[in-house]
Amino acid sequence: MSTARPLRRACLATILLLVPVMPAVAQTLTPGTRVRVKSPTVVAPVTGSFQGMRRDTVVVIEDSQAAQIWTFTPATIEQLEVSVGMKKGNRGPIIRWTLIGLGTGFAVGWLVAAIIEESGDTDYNEAASAGVGAAVGAAAGAAYGYRKLEEHWAAVPVPRRVGVFPTRHGVRLAYSISF
């Protein structure tokens, strides 16, 4: 057995340890990018503009009336997300507006059937009218809820300068260089 094979494995292992292990997405996080930072140091996620790295802290200017400048060390960031834009067809608004339309349609259908029955000689089935109204209201509510826009987010790795941190498969050495 040749000694070249174990030497080749050792060189390959050394090269893999020295190669930057941070994905390219973290390197492309440019100032002005809309981000959301989740951290145990704040009550609610901070949404704002990424300003960059200062020493070993991530700087974010909040998008709100207060417009505070937030600084987070990479160790305190649970999740860093980048906005991928506003999209329609979200489950939350569809369900909410479907239920609103269902209830409103039910009430309107029952009320119309009761008013028509009182004013005339014809008999209306109030339950069937309420059911038809609920179906129409639910369909209209779902169509309206589908058009509601919500912001979508994509998780990105936290930009770190240099660090050793544990992962699920062991320990990872990471460094970042920016010019």
C-alpha atoms as a PDB file:
ATOM      1  CA  MET A   1       0.000   0.000   0.000  1.00  0.00           C
ATOM      2  CA  SER A   2       1.297   3.366  -1.039  1.00  0.00           C
ATOM      3  CA  THR A   3       1.680   6.291   1.372  1.00  0.00           C
ATOM      4  CA  ALA A   4       0.324   8.664  -1.277  1.00  0.00           C
ATOM      5  CA  ARG A   5      -3.292   7.697  -0.628  1.00  0.00           C
ATOM      6  CA  PRO A   6      -3.330   8.582   3.136  1.00  0.00           C
ATOM      7  CA  LEU A   7      -1.340  11.737   2.373  1.00  0.00           C
ATOM      8  CA  ARG A   8      -3.901  12.708  -0.259  1.00  0.00           C
ATOM      9  CA  ARG A   9      -6.740  12.187   2.228  1.00  0.00           C
ATOM     10  CA  ALA A  10      -4.988  14.308   4.857  1.00  0.00           C
ATOM     11  CA  CYS A  11      -4.410  17.135   2.353  1.00  0.00           C
ATOM     12  CA  LEU A  12      -8.030  16.978   1.206  1.00  0.00           C
ATOM     13  CA  ALA A  13      -9.278  17.101   4.806  1.00  0.00           C
ATOM     14  CA  THR A  14      -7.033  20.100   5.531  1.00  0.00           C
ATOM     15  CA  ILE A  15      -8.262  21.944   2.433  1.00  0.00           C
ATOM     16  CA  LEU A  16     -11.897  21.273   3.331  1.00  0.00           C
ATOM     17  CA  LEU A  17     -11.330  22.698   6.808  1.00  0.00           C
ATOM     18  CA  LEU A  18      -9.776  25.871   5.419  1.00  0.00           C
ATOM     19  CA  VAL A  19     -12.364  26.523   2.698  1.00  0.00           C
ATOM     20  CA  PRO A  20     -15.040  29.007   3.754  1.00  0.00           C
ATOM     21  CA  VAL A  21     -18.076  27.023   4.773  1.00  0.00           C
ATOM     22  CA  MET A  22     -20.512  29.928   4.725  1.00  0.00           C
ATOM     23  CA  PRO A  23     -22.841  29.794   1.734  1.00  0.00           C
ATOM     24  CA  ALA A  24     -22.695  32.472  -0.928  1.00  0.00           C
ATOM     25  CA  VAL A  25     -26.079  33.842   0.198  1.00  0.00           C
ATOM     26  CA  ALA A  26     -24.541  35.280   3.362  1.00  0.00           C
ATOM     27  CA  GLN A  27     -21.868  37.012   1.309  1.00  0.00           C
ATOM     28  CA  THR A  28     -24.473  38.667  -0.937  1.00  0.00           C
ATOM     29  CA  LEU A  29     -26.443  40.269   1.894  1.00  0.00           C
ATOM     30  CA  THR A  30     -26.038  43.882   0.819  1.00  0.00           C
ATOM     31  CA  PRO A  31     -26.808  47.045   2.787  1.00  0.00           C
ATOM     32  CA  GLY A  32     -30.392  48.160   2.300  1.00  0.00           C
ATOM     33  CA  THR A  33     -31.789  44.618   2.020  1.00  0.00           C
ATOM     34  CA  ARG A  34     -35.080  44.171   3.892  1.00  0.00           C
ATOM     35  CA  VAL A  35     -34.520  41.644   6.679  1.00  0.00           C
ATOM     36  CA  ARG A  36     -36.318  40.186   9.690  1.00  0.00           C
ATOM     37  CA  VAL A  37     -34.233  39.241  12.736  1.00  0.00           C
ATOM     38  CA  LYS A  38     -35.504  36.839  15.398  1.00  0.00           C
ATOM     39  CA  SER A  39     -33.558  36.950  18.631  1.00  0.00           C
ATOM     40  CA  PRO A  40     -34.200  36.077  22.273  1.00  0.00           C
ATOM     41  CA  THR A  41     -33.065  39.601  23.191  1.00  0.00           C
ATOM     42  CA  VAL A  42     -36.209  41.165  21.649  1.00  0.00           C
ATOM     43  CA  VAL A  43     -39.889  40.432  22.254  1.00  0.00           C
ATOM     44  CA  ALA A  44     -40.986  40.467  18.606  1.00  0.00           C
ATOM     45  CA  PRO A  45     -38.917  40.006  15.425  1.00  0.00           C
ATOM     46  CA  VAL A  46     -37.221  43.183  14.199  1.00  0.00           C
ATOM     47  CA  THR A  47     -38.051  44.038  10.588  1.00  0.00           C
ATOM     48  CA  GLY A  48     -35.894  46.603   8.859  1.00  0.00           C
ATOM     49  CA  SER A  49     -33.027  47.377   6.516  1.00  0.00           C
ATOM     50  CA  PHE A  50     -29.745  45.506   6.835  1.00  0.00           C
ATOM     51  CA  GLN A  51     -26.957  48.082   7.172  1.00  0.00           C
ATOM     52  CA  GLY A  52     -23.956  45.784   7.343  1.00  0.00           C
ATOM     53  CA  MET A  53     -21.466  44.306   9.741  1.00  0.00           C
ATOM     54  CA  ARG A  54     -19.610  46.506  12.228  1.00  0.00           C
ATOM     55  CA  ARG A  55     -16.889  44.563  13.932  1.00  0.00           C
ATOM     56  CA  ASP A  56     -18.765  41.457  15.035  1.00  0.00           C
ATOM     57  CA  THR A  57     -22.326  42.832  15.070  1.00  0.00           C
ATOM     58  CA  VAL A  58     -25.171  42.900  12.565  1.00  0.00           C
ATOM     59  CA  VAL A  59     -26.710  46.377  12.229  1.00  0.00           C
ATOM     60  CA  VAL A  60     -30.391  46.751  11.285  1.00  0.00           C
ATOM     61  CA  ILE A  61     -32.454  49.947  11.045  1.00  0.00           C
ATOM     62  CA  GLU A  62     -36.035  49.163  12.014  1.00  0.00           C
ATOM     63  CA  ASP A  63     -38.899  49.994   9.629  1.00  0.00           C
ATOM     64  CA  SER A  64     -41.469  51.577  11.927  1.00  0.00           C
ATOM     65  CA  GLN A  65     -42.453  54.837  13.557  1.00  0.00           C
ATOM     66  CA  ALA A  66     -39.695  54.412  16.166  1.00  0.00           C
ATOM     67  CA  ALA A  67     -37.004  53.598  13.540  1.00  0.00           C
ATOM     68  CA  GLN A  68     -34.437  52.414  16.056  1.00  0.00           C
ATOM     69  CA  ILE A  69     -31.000  51.149  15.129  1.00  0.00           C
ATOM     70  CA  TRP A  70     -30.618  47.574  16.343  1.00  0.00           C
ATOM     71  CA  THR A  71     -27.313  45.747  16.743  1.00  0.00           C
ATOM     72  CA  PHE A  72     -27.139  41.998  17.184  1.00  0.00           C
ATOM     73  CA  THR A  73     -24.120  39.817  17.755  1.00  0.00           C
ATOM     74  CA  PRO A  74     -24.255  36.702  15.569  1.00  0.00           C
ATOM     75  CA  ALA A  75     -24.457  34.512  18.669  1.00  0.00           C
ATOM     76  CA  THR A  76     -27.752  36.159  19.726  1.00  0.00           C
ATOM     77  CA  ILE A  77     -29.498  35.813  16.362  1.00  0.00           C
ATOM     78  CA  GLU A  78     -31.859  32.844  16.214  1.00  0.00           C
ATOM     79  CA  GLN A  79     -32.905  33.419  12.605  1.00  0.00           C
ATOM     80  CA  LEU A  80     -32.111  35.962   9.909  1.00  0.00           C
ATOM     81  CA  GLU A  81     -34.572  36.165   7.018  1.00  0.00           C
ATOM     82  CA  VAL A  82     -34.593  38.146   3.773  1.00  0.00           C
ATOM     83  CA  SER A  83     -37.779  39.422   2.158  1.00  0.00           C
ATOM     84  CA  VAL A  84     -38.610  37.727  -1.146  1.00  0.00           C
ATOM     85  CA  GLY A  85     -41.531  40.032  -1.874  1.00  0.00           C
ATOM     86  CA  MET A  86     -45.261  40.314  -1.478  1.00  0.00           C
ATOM     87  CA  LYS A  87     -47.327  37.386  -2.734  1.00  0.00           C
ATOM     88  CA  LYS A  88     -51.017  36.572  -2.887  1.00  0.00           C
ATOM     89  CA  GLY A  89     -52.743  33.241  -2.306  1.00  0.00           C
ATOM     90  CA  ASN A  90     -51.778  32.912   1.381  1.00  0.00           C
ATOM     91  CA  ARG A  91     -53.614  30.462   3.598  1.00  0.00           C
ATOM     92  CA  GLY A  92     -54.252  32.858   6.519  1.00  0.00           C
ATOM     93  CA  PRO A  93     -56.188  35.554   4.641  1.00  0.00           C
ATOM     94  CA  ILE A  94     -58.067  32.980   2.578  1.00  0.00           C
ATOM     95  CA  ILE A  95     -59.309  31.168   5.687  1.00  0.00           C
ATOM     96  CA  ARG A  96     -60.098  34.383   7.563  1.00  0.00           C
ATOM     97  CA  TRP A  97     -62.108  35.939   4.702  1.00  0.00           C
ATOM     98  CA  THR A  98     -63.825  32.641   3.867  1.00  0.00           C
ATOM     99  CA  LEU A  99     -65.098  32.406   7.441  1.00  0.00           C
ATOM    100  CA  ILE A 100     -66.187  36.057   7.414  1.00  0.00           C
ATOM    101  CA  GLY A 101     -68.002  35.522   4.098  1.00  0.00           C
ATOM    102  CA  LEU A 102     -69.560  32.296   5.385  1.00  0.00           C
ATOM    103  CA  GLY A 103     -70.999  33.969   8.479  1.00  0.00           C
ATOM    104  CA  THR A 104     -72.146  37.079   6.639  1.00  0.00           C
ATOM    105  CA  GLY A 105     -73.714  35.049   3.816  1.00  0.00           C
ATOM    106  CA  PHE A 106     -75.494  32.808   6.318  1.00  0.00           C
ATOM    107  CA  ALA A 107     -76.939  35.801   8.172  1.00  0.00           C
ATOM    108  CA  VAL A 108     -77.961  37.639   4.989  1.00  0.00           C
ATOM    109  CA  GLY A 109     -79.542  34.506   3.449  1.00  0.00           C
ATOM    110  CA  TRP A 110     -81.545  33.765   6.575  1.00  0.00           C
ATOM    111  CA  LEU A 111     -82.588  37.415   6.980  1.00  0.00           C
ATOM    112  CA  VAL A 112     -83.712  37.781   3.333  1.00  0.00           C
ATOM    113  CA  ALA A 113     -85.731  34.551   3.538  1.00  0.00           C
ATOM    114  CA  ALA A 114     -87.385  35.693   6.774  1.00  0.00           C
ATOM    115  CA  ILE A 115     -88.248  39.146   5.370  1.00  0.00           C
ATOM    116  CA  ILE A 116     -89.672  37.741   2.106  1.00  0.00           C
ATOM    117  CA  GLU A 117     -91.690  35.122   3.981  1.00  0.00           C
ATOM    118  CA  GLU A 118     -93.199  37.733   6.295  1.00  0.00           C
ATOM    119  CA  SER A 119     -94.183  40.095   3.499  1.00  0.00           C
ATOM    120  CA  GLY A 120     -95.777  37.567   1.133  1.00  0.00           C
ATOM    121  CA  ASP A 121     -97.880  34.468   0.904  1.00  0.00           C
ATOM    122  CA  THR A 122     -95.015  32.214  -0.153  1.00  0.00           C
ATOM    123  CA  ASP A 123     -93.116  29.913   2.168  1.00  0.00           C
ATOM    124  CA  TYR A 124     -89.343  29.973   2.089  1.00  0.00           C
ATOM    125  CA  ASN A 125     -87.082  27.442   3.705  1.00  0.00           C
ATOM    126  CA  GLU A 126     -84.959  29.684   5.895  1.00  0.00           C
ATOM    127  CA  ALA A 127     -82.314  27.001   6.500  1.00  0.00           C
ATOM    128  CA  ALA A 128     -81.841  26.372   2.772  1.00  0.00           C
ATOM    129  CA  SER A 129     -81.678  30.100   2.063  1.00  0.00           C
ATOM    130  CA  ALA A 130     -79.127  30.542   4.833  1.00  0.00           C
ATOM    131  CA  GLY A 131     -77.088  27.648   3.406  1.00  0.00           C
ATOM    132  CA  VAL A 132     -77.091  29.142  -0.097  1.00  0.00           C
ATOM    133  CA  GLY A 133     -76.135  32.529   1.340  1.00  0.00           C
ATOM    134  CA  ALA A 134     -73.322  30.930   3.343  1.00  0.00           C
ATOM    135  CA  ALA A 135     -71.973  29.168   0.228  1.00  0.00           C
ATOM    136  CA  VAL A 136     -72.053  32.347  -1.847  1.00  0.00           C
ATOM    137  CA  GLY A 137     -70.510  34.373   0.982  1.00  0.00           C
ATOM    138  CA  ALA A 138     -67.767  31.806   1.542  1.00  0.00           C
ATOM    139  CA  ALA A 139     -66.889  31.784  -2.168  1.00  0.00           C
ATOM    140  CA  ALA A 140     -66.771  35.579  -2.295  1.00  0.00           C
ATOM    141  CA  GLY A 141     -64.712  35.700   0.912  1.00  0.00           C
ATOM    142  CA  ALA A 142     -62.225  33.119  -0.409  1.00  0.00           C
ATOM    143  CA  ALA A 143     -61.814  35.057  -3.666  1.00  0.00           C
ATOM    144  CA  TYR A 144     -61.192  38.267  -1.726  1.00  0.00           C
ATOM    145  CA  GLY A 145     -58.777  36.559   0.696  1.00  0.00           C
ATOM    146  CA  TYR A 146     -56.804  35.076  -2.196  1.00  0.00           C
ATOM    147  CA  ARG A 147     -56.029  38.575  -3.468  1.00  0.00           C
ATOM    148  CA  LYS A 148     -54.636  39.817  -0.126  1.00  0.00           C
ATOM    149  CA  LEU A 149     -50.860  40.279  -0.279  1.00  0.00           C
ATOM    150  CA  GLU A 150     -48.478  39.116   2.462  1.00  0.00           C
ATOM    151  CA  GLU A 151     -44.719  39.389   2.671  1.00  0.00           C
ATOM    152  CA  HIS A 152     -42.754  36.166   2.276  1.00  0.00           C
ATOM    153  CA  TRP A 153     -39.370  35.498   3.869  1.00  0.00           C
ATOM    154  CA  ALA A 154     -36.407  33.238   3.097  1.00  0.00           C
ATOM    155  CA  ALA A 155     -33.965  32.238   5.833  1.00  0.00           C
ATOM    156  CA  VAL A 156     -30.307  33.069   5.242  1.00  0.00           C
ATOM    157  CA  PRO A 157     -27.269  32.201   7.325  1.00  0.00           C
ATOM    158  CA  VAL A 158     -26.075  34.831   9.751  1.00  0.00           C
ATOM    159  CA  PRO A 159     -23.038  36.662   8.376  1.00  0.00           C
ATOM    160  CA  ARG A 160     -20.123  35.994  10.690  1.00  0.00           C
ATOM    161  CA  ARG A 161     -16.593  37.340  10.501  1.00  0.00           C
ATOM    162  CA  VAL A 162     -14.764  34.493  12.234  1.00  0.00           C
ATOM    163  CA  GLY A 163     -16.232  31.925  14.477  1.00  0.00           C
ATOM    164  CA  VAL A 164     -16.339  28.370  15.667  1.00  0.00           C
ATOM    165  CA  PHE A 165     -19.827  27.199  16.422  1.00  0.00           C
ATOM    166  CA  PRO A 166     -21.511  23.847  16.909  1.00  0.00           C
ATOM    167  CA  THR A 167     -23.669  22.296  14.237  1.00  0.00           C
ATOM    168  CA  ARG A 168     -25.764  19.170  14.136  1.00  0.00           C
ATOM    169  CA  HIS A 169     -22.839  17.207  12.687  1.00  0.00           C
ATOM    170  CA  GLY A 170     -19.980  18.621  14.748  1.00  0.00           C
ATOM    171  CA  VAL A 171     -18.110  21.918  14.935  1.00  0.00           C
ATOM    172  CA  ARG A 172     -17.811  24.411  12.075  1.00  0.00           C
ATOM    173  CA  LEU A 173     -15.136  27.059  11.520  1.00  0.00           C
ATOM    174  CA  ALA A 174     -16.391  30.029   9.507  1.00  0.00           C
ATOM    175  CA  TYR A 175     -14.844  33.264   8.374  1.00  0.00           C
ATOM    176  CA  SER A 176     -16.034  36.055   6.151  1.00  0.00           C
ATOM    177  CA  ILE A 177     -14.079  38.608   4.184  1.00  0.00           C
ATOM    178  CA  SER A 178     -15.621  41.721   2.676  1.00  0.00           C
ATOM    179  CA  PHE A 179     -13.953  44.429   0.666  1.00  0.00           C
END
